[in-house]
Amino acid sequence: MRSAIVDTNAFIQGYGNLGKTVSFKAPELNQKTISGTTGVGDRSYATGQFESLDSECSFASMPEAIFNALSKLDEAEIIQKKAVRTGTKVENHTWISTGAISVSFGDSKAGEMLDVKVSQKGLKKYIYEVNNQTKVRIDHDNLIVEVDGKDLMSDVRRILRG
């Protein structure tokens, strides 16, 4: 069964609703691997870590709260909410991204909607939820990577912290 995006909305922690997003690209979850050679050939091993987490969203307006978030440096938190319909079922998808933001403006043309892009590169923290259940939680400062309830870095954290 196909799923369709019903609507999207963005919020900035502490400043409220930014409004509907024209588009939103969630961070890609690309696992870091290490390659090694076994007796029968080369193999890649997952490390429990992920490549840089980057996101981007576009707005047709310039919410003032963007500048408040820009001033928070690495602590800017953008929350994206998406309603996704599959058949008669509608699910809530939420992305919480913490990290520095960048703002860029598209070309300005009379009579056209404003084109404002807000991006975050190399997120400090990242949470992805479906119907308020956490599916992915990554916290670089605390060496936490949880996927579907499994803590992928617990052994590494225990060893490094003694």
C-alpha atoms as a PDB file:
ATOM      1  CA  MET A   1       0.000   0.000   0.000  1.00  0.00           C
ATOM      2  CA  ARG A   2       1.318   3.440  -0.902  1.00  0.00           C
ATOM      3  CA  SER A   3       1.853   6.198   1.632  1.00  0.00           C
ATOM      4  CA  ALA A   4       1.182   9.875   0.953  1.00  0.00           C
ATOM      5  CA  ILE A   5       2.365  12.939   2.840  1.00  0.00           C
ATOM      6  CA  VAL A   6      -0.712  14.833   4.021  1.00  0.00           C
ATOM      7  CA  ASP A   7       1.047  17.867   5.491  1.00  0.00           C
ATOM      8  CA  THR A   8       4.306  19.074   7.034  1.00  0.00           C
ATOM      9  CA  ASN A   9       4.987  21.663   9.702  1.00  0.00           C
ATOM     10  CA  ALA A  10       8.086  23.038  11.427  1.00  0.00           C
ATOM     11  CA  PHE A  11       8.745  24.324  14.942  1.00  0.00           C
ATOM     12  CA  ILE A  12      11.752  25.895  16.637  1.00  0.00           C
ATOM     13  CA  GLN A  13      12.200  24.981  20.287  1.00  0.00           C
ATOM     14  CA  GLY A  14      11.306  27.915  22.480  1.00  0.00           C
ATOM     15  CA  TYR A  15       9.895  30.012  19.616  1.00  0.00           C
ATOM     16  CA  GLY A  16       6.920  28.023  18.401  1.00  0.00           C
ATOM     17  CA  ASN A  17       5.513  27.237  15.001  1.00  0.00           C
ATOM     18  CA  LEU A  18       7.481  28.300  11.919  1.00  0.00           C
ATOM     19  CA  GLY A  19       4.649  27.303   9.627  1.00  0.00           C
ATOM     20  CA  LYS A  20       4.216  24.846   6.810  1.00  0.00           C
ATOM     21  CA  THR A  21       7.354  23.761   5.070  1.00  0.00           C
ATOM     22  CA  VAL A  22       7.478  23.764   1.290  1.00  0.00           C
ATOM     23  CA  SER A  23       9.880  20.822   1.474  1.00  0.00           C
ATOM     24  CA  PHE A  24      11.860  18.900   4.078  1.00  0.00           C
ATOM     25  CA  LYS A  25      14.768  16.497   3.620  1.00  0.00           C
ATOM     26  CA  ALA A  26      15.418  14.369   6.688  1.00  0.00           C
ATOM     27  CA  PRO A  27      18.971  13.252   7.518  1.00  0.00           C
ATOM     28  CA  GLU A  28      20.136  10.115   5.734  1.00  0.00           C
ATOM     29  CA  LEU A  29      21.085   7.259   8.049  1.00  0.00           C
ATOM     30  CA  ASN A  30      24.242   5.969   6.365  1.00  0.00           C
ATOM     31  CA  GLN A  31      26.142   3.606   8.659  1.00  0.00           C
ATOM     32  CA  LYS A  32      29.900   3.913   8.897  1.00  0.00           C
ATOM     33  CA  THR A  33      31.700   0.694   8.090  1.00  0.00           C
ATOM     34  CA  ILE A  34      35.255  -0.589   8.298  1.00  0.00           C
ATOM     35  CA  SER A  35      36.626  -2.933   5.687  1.00  0.00           C
ATOM     36  CA  GLY A  36      38.665  -5.981   6.483  1.00  0.00           C
ATOM     37  CA  THR A  37      39.955  -9.103   4.809  1.00  0.00           C
ATOM     38  CA  THR A  38      38.933 -12.569   5.897  1.00  0.00           C
ATOM     39  CA  GLY A  39      40.224 -15.941   4.688  1.00  0.00           C
ATOM     40  CA  VAL A  40      37.650 -15.870   1.890  1.00  0.00           C
ATOM     41  CA  GLY A  41      37.853 -12.223   0.841  1.00  0.00           C
ATOM     42  CA  ASP A  42      36.967  -8.663   1.759  1.00  0.00           C
ATOM     43  CA  ARG A  43      34.148  -7.772   4.116  1.00  0.00           C
ATOM     44  CA  SER A  44      32.665  -4.584   5.582  1.00  0.00           C
ATOM     45  CA  TYR A  45      31.730  -4.339   9.265  1.00  0.00           C
ATOM     46  CA  ALA A  46      29.115  -1.902  10.634  1.00  0.00           C
ATOM     47  CA  THR A  47      30.505   0.226  13.485  1.00  0.00           C
ATOM     48  CA  GLY A  48      27.267   1.445  15.083  1.00  0.00           C
ATOM     49  CA  GLN A  49      28.152   4.976  13.988  1.00  0.00           C
ATOM     50  CA  PHE A  50      26.631   7.077  11.212  1.00  0.00           C
ATOM     51  CA  GLU A  51      27.896   9.468   8.560  1.00  0.00           C
ATOM     52  CA  SER A  52      27.207  13.189   9.015  1.00  0.00           C
ATOM     53  CA  LEU A  53      23.527  13.846   9.718  1.00  0.00           C
ATOM     54  CA  ASP A  54      22.368  16.725   7.504  1.00  0.00           C
ATOM     55  CA  SER A  55      18.872  18.109   6.942  1.00  0.00           C
ATOM     56  CA  GLU A  56      17.270  20.894   4.952  1.00  0.00           C
ATOM     57  CA  CYS A  57      13.851  22.517   4.794  1.00  0.00           C
ATOM     58  CA  SER A  58      12.351  25.268   2.640  1.00  0.00           C
ATOM     59  CA  PHE A  59       9.819  27.934   3.540  1.00  0.00           C
ATOM     60  CA  ALA A  60       7.773  30.355   1.452  1.00  0.00           C
ATOM     61  CA  SER A  61       8.119  32.971   4.203  1.00  0.00           C
ATOM     62  CA  MET A  62      10.815  34.300   6.516  1.00  0.00           C
ATOM     63  CA  PRO A  63       9.857  33.427  10.103  1.00  0.00           C
ATOM     64  CA  GLU A  64      11.553  35.739  12.617  1.00  0.00           C
ATOM     65  CA  ALA A  65      12.230  32.737  14.866  1.00  0.00           C
ATOM     66  CA  ILE A  66      14.870  31.566  12.367  1.00  0.00           C
ATOM     67  CA  PHE A  67      17.189  34.353  13.539  1.00  0.00           C
ATOM     68  CA  ASN A  68      16.597  33.439  17.189  1.00  0.00           C
ATOM     69  CA  ALA A  69      17.642  29.860  16.351  1.00  0.00           C
ATOM     70  CA  LEU A  70      20.646  31.074  14.345  1.00  0.00           C
ATOM     71  CA  SER A  71      21.923  32.842  17.476  1.00  0.00           C
ATOM     72  CA  LYS A  72      21.870  29.574  19.476  1.00  0.00           C
ATOM     73  CA  LEU A  73      24.876  28.198  17.570  1.00  0.00           C
ATOM     74  CA  ASP A  74      25.072  24.378  18.065  1.00  0.00           C
ATOM     75  CA  GLU A  75      21.957  24.348  20.290  1.00  0.00           C
ATOM     76  CA  ALA A  76      19.398  25.331  17.607  1.00  0.00           C
ATOM     77  CA  GLU A  77      16.590  22.784  17.622  1.00  0.00           C
ATOM     78  CA  ILE A  78      14.231  22.389  14.682  1.00  0.00           C
ATOM     79  CA  ILE A  79      11.273  20.046  14.952  1.00  0.00           C
ATOM     80  CA  GLN A  80       9.653  18.786  11.759  1.00  0.00           C
ATOM     81  CA  LYS A  81       6.279  17.059  11.924  1.00  0.00           C
ATOM     82  CA  LYS A  82       4.730  15.176   9.049  1.00  0.00           C
ATOM     83  CA  ALA A  83       1.321  13.520   8.737  1.00  0.00           C
ATOM     84  CA  VAL A  84       1.559  10.403   6.545  1.00  0.00           C
ATOM     85  CA  ARG A  85      -1.529   8.572   5.292  1.00  0.00           C
ATOM     86  CA  THR A  86      -1.430   4.890   4.365  1.00  0.00           C
ATOM     87  CA  GLY A  87      -4.912   3.768   3.366  1.00  0.00           C
ATOM     88  CA  THR A  88      -7.216   5.030   6.139  1.00  0.00           C
ATOM     89  CA  LYS A  89      -4.428   5.200   8.729  1.00  0.00           C
ATOM     90  CA  VAL A  90      -2.651   8.516   9.426  1.00  0.00           C
ATOM     91  CA  GLU A  91       0.661   8.407  11.309  1.00  0.00           C
ATOM     92  CA  ASN A  92       2.659  11.153  12.975  1.00  0.00           C
ATOM     93  CA  HIS A  93       6.347  11.315  11.968  1.00  0.00           C
ATOM     94  CA  THR A  94       8.576  13.680  13.958  1.00  0.00           C
ATOM     95  CA  TRP A  95      12.225  14.657  13.439  1.00  0.00           C
ATOM     96  CA  ILE A  96      14.054  16.635  16.149  1.00  0.00           C
ATOM     97  CA  SER A  97      17.362  18.017  14.923  1.00  0.00           C
ATOM     98  CA  THR A  98      19.797  19.885  17.166  1.00  0.00           C
ATOM     99  CA  GLY A  99      22.786  21.710  15.699  1.00  0.00           C
ATOM    100  CA  ALA A 100      23.901  24.913  14.036  1.00  0.00           C
ATOM    101  CA  ILE A 101      21.682  26.206  11.265  1.00  0.00           C
ATOM    102  CA  SER A 102      22.443  28.021   8.030  1.00  0.00           C
ATOM    103  CA  VAL A 103      19.959  30.211   6.171  1.00  0.00           C
ATOM    104  CA  SER A 104      20.042  30.839   2.428  1.00  0.00           C
ATOM    105  CA  PHE A 105      17.735  32.810   0.185  1.00  0.00           C
ATOM    106  CA  GLY A 106      16.675  31.882  -3.340  1.00  0.00           C
ATOM    107  CA  ASP A 107      16.316  34.348  -6.188  1.00  0.00           C
ATOM    108  CA  SER A 108      13.907  37.198  -5.535  1.00  0.00           C
ATOM    109  CA  LYS A 109      11.398  37.669  -8.323  1.00  0.00           C
ATOM    110  CA  ALA A 110       8.369  39.962  -8.182  1.00  0.00           C
ATOM    111  CA  GLY A 111       5.123  38.037  -7.868  1.00  0.00           C
ATOM    112  CA  GLU A 112       6.765  34.792  -6.712  1.00  0.00           C
ATOM    113  CA  MET A 113       6.824  33.183  -3.283  1.00  0.00           C
ATOM    114  CA  LEU A 114       9.840  33.817  -1.080  1.00  0.00           C
ATOM    115  CA  ASP A 115      12.347  30.948  -1.146  1.00  0.00           C
ATOM    116  CA  VAL A 116      14.116  30.480   2.194  1.00  0.00           C
ATOM    117  CA  LYS A 117      16.213  27.367   2.933  1.00  0.00           C
ATOM    118  CA  VAL A 118      17.260  26.386   6.446  1.00  0.00           C
ATOM    119  CA  SER A 119      19.877  23.654   6.705  1.00  0.00           C
ATOM    120  CA  GLN A 120      21.683  21.844   9.482  1.00  0.00           C
ATOM    121  CA  LYS A 121      24.919  19.950   8.798  1.00  0.00           C
ATOM    122  CA  GLY A 122      26.590  17.487  11.157  1.00  0.00           C
ATOM    123  CA  LEU A 123      23.794  17.432  13.713  1.00  0.00           C
ATOM    124  CA  LYS A 124      24.756  17.302  17.376  1.00  0.00           C
ATOM    125  CA  LYS A 125      21.567  15.409  18.335  1.00  0.00           C
ATOM    126  CA  TYR A 126      18.918  13.672  16.262  1.00  0.00           C
ATOM    127  CA  ILE A 127      15.647  11.954  17.137  1.00  0.00           C
ATOM    128  CA  TYR A 128      13.173  10.323  14.753  1.00  0.00           C
ATOM    129  CA  GLU A 129       9.777   9.205  16.082  1.00  0.00           C
ATOM    130  CA  VAL A 130       6.748   7.507  14.556  1.00  0.00           C
ATOM    131  CA  ASN A 131       3.516   7.949  16.530  1.00  0.00           C
ATOM    132  CA  ASN A 132       5.539   9.216  19.506  1.00  0.00           C
ATOM    133  CA  GLN A 133       7.706   6.074  19.647  1.00  0.00           C
ATOM    134  CA  THR A 134      11.424   6.693  19.228  1.00  0.00           C
ATOM    135  CA  LYS A 135      12.888   4.818  16.262  1.00  0.00           C
ATOM    136  CA  VAL A 136      16.319   6.527  16.155  1.00  0.00           C
ATOM    137  CA  ARG A 137      18.130   8.622  18.780  1.00  0.00           C
ATOM    138  CA  ILE A 138      21.670   9.874  18.255  1.00  0.00           C
ATOM    139  CA  ASP A 139      23.521  12.073  20.758  1.00  0.00           C
ATOM    140  CA  HIS A 140      27.152  12.723  19.811  1.00  0.00           C
ATOM    141  CA  ASP A 141      28.150  14.390  23.102  1.00  0.00           C
ATOM    142  CA  ASN A 142      26.999  11.409  25.161  1.00  0.00           C
ATOM    143  CA  LEU A 143      28.040   8.691  22.661  1.00  0.00           C
ATOM    144  CA  ILE A 144      24.470   7.409  22.278  1.00  0.00           C
ATOM    145  CA  VAL A 145      23.132   5.636  19.198  1.00  0.00           C
ATOM    146  CA  GLU A 146      19.791   3.912  19.732  1.00  0.00           C
ATOM    147  CA  VAL A 147      17.944   2.286  16.839  1.00  0.00           C
ATOM    148  CA  ASP A 148      14.558   0.662  17.403  1.00  0.00           C
ATOM    149  CA  GLY A 149      15.241   0.399  21.150  1.00  0.00           C
ATOM    150  CA  LYS A 150      18.721  -1.135  20.808  1.00  0.00           C
ATOM    151  CA  ASP A 151      21.692   0.864  22.138  1.00  0.00           C
ATOM    152  CA  LEU A 152      24.386   0.254  19.512  1.00  0.00           C
ATOM    153  CA  MET A 153      27.152   2.040  21.431  1.00  0.00           C
ATOM    154  CA  SER A 154      26.597   0.755  24.987  1.00  0.00           C
ATOM    155  CA  ASP A 155      29.678  -1.524  24.940  1.00  0.00           C
ATOM    156  CA  VAL A 156      31.894   1.187  23.416  1.00  0.00           C
ATOM    157  CA  ARG A 157      30.610   3.755  25.944  1.00  0.00           C
ATOM    158  CA  ARG A 158      31.262   1.337  28.854  1.00  0.00           C
ATOM    159  CA  ILE A 159      34.833   0.659  27.662  1.00  0.00           C
ATOM    160  CA  LEU A 160      35.702   4.316  27.020  1.00  0.00           C
ATOM    161  CA  ARG A 161      34.254   5.577  30.299  1.00  0.00           C
ATOM    162  CA  GLY A 162      35.690   2.798  32.415  1.00  0.00           C
END
